[in-house]
Structure formats: C-alpha cells, structure tokens
Amino acid sequence: MKKMIWLAFPLLAIALIVGVYNIFSAYWSENTSGLLPLSGQVIVIDPGHGGVDGGSSSREGLMEDEVALEISFRLRDYLQSAGALVLMTREEDVDLAAPSTEGLRNRKVEDLQKRVQLINESGSDLFISLHLNAGSSNWRGAQTFYNPAFTESQMMAETVQGELTRQLENTNRKAAGVNNIYMLDSAEIPGLLIEAGFLSNPEEAGRFEDEEYLDQMAASIYQGLARHFDADQ
C-alpha cells in the first residue's frame, strides 16, 4: 500500500506542475497578445524572382528581383517590430531551384514550386509575394492581387491597396481577384501578390532608386496588414 502511495505522489506532482504551467501559459497568451498589433502572426514574405531570373527591368537596368528584395527587407523589419514572426523565401540574389537543374524555364518552374512548398509547409498564417510590373511606359501604380477563393485574402488585399493608394498618392488601382497566378492558386493559406509599380515607367522606376520611397512602400503594406488584423480583433 505504501509503495502505491509513493508511486502516486510523483505522478500527482507532475500533473500539478503541468496544470499550473497550462494556466500560466493561457494567462500569458491572453494578457500579452494585444501588446503588439501583429503578435502571434506568422508571415512569409516572398521577394519575387532572383538568381538567373531577374524579372523585369527599367531602361536604366534596375532589376525587379533587386527592388523586390529591398522592399521585402524593409517590410520584414516593420512586421517584426509589430510582433510578427517573419519567414522569407530568399534573402539573397538566388532562386530556389536545385543547382543541378538546367535551363531558365526549368529553373523558374522549380523555383516557383519550391516557394509554394515553403509557404504551405511553414505553418504560417499568410504570405506576401512582392513583385514589380512592366508594360506600357505610361502605366504606373502599385496593385494588390489575391485568390478569390480566400475571403480573408480579399479583405486583406482591399485594406492594403487602400493604404498604398492613400500613402503613395500615385495610383488609383483597385485590389483584384485573379485565378491565373500559380502562387496564389497553389498556396493553401491566405496571401497577396503585390506589384509595387511599373519599372517600364521611367518616372516610377526612378522612384524605386529612392531609399525613402522604398521605405514608404513597405510602410504602406505593413499599415494595411496592421489595419486588417486590428479589424479582426
């Protein structure tokens, strides 16, 4: 009988410790989640292109992959300072294809597949893929795209686009739902693809060489996300 009592005592002590720990964890989570606007959010930032695929370019040779990465670094800093855990698909001028993969087309396909795989396996709440557009030299302005299958993506896109319009004061474009972008179609979590502007527009391309403008772009995206999650509270 004494042996059974002594065996039961440590089990009871462990159960008590676990119970106290769970109560403390719940209390801590409840009382610290509101300290920062994005506390508890896990976000993937995907700077478009990289490596052998530089993306679009300006007349002066400014490359999409370089600008997307610069904006991404700034956005990461804003998000982290607001309490989010941020993952990036790349932090250097590289693609995600295997070194043994040959041919530009094959590398681009594998690169996109690896990015989507990273997003889907990351356990993240959302992703932001950053790009720059190209087309007519008269076209300009940032635009946010989303997969209409995700209601949260639409609400998030409209809020972010609203901040881009309000703060940058150089676009009247609207958030757009699309069904033909591989990353948006294949990702299993809400997300946005943001075209930050047109490198084919000489005036707008020049702004992407301005450090202050890059920071303003990142701040606009961050504030749109912060507003979105604040509205969800």
Foldseek 3Di string as FASTA:
>chain_A
DVVVVVVVVVVVVVVVVVVVVVVVVVVCCVVCQPVFLQAPAEEEEEQDAFDPGQDDAAPVGRTWSVLSLLLSVLLVVLNVVRHYHYHYPDNHRHADADPPDDDPVRSVVRRLVVVLVCLQPVPGQEYEYETAAEDALPFKAKEKEAAVVDPLLQLLRQLLRVLRCVQVVPDPDGYYYDCPDVSRPRHPHTYMYMHGIYSHHVVVVVLSVPSVSSNSSSVSSSVSNSVSSVVVD
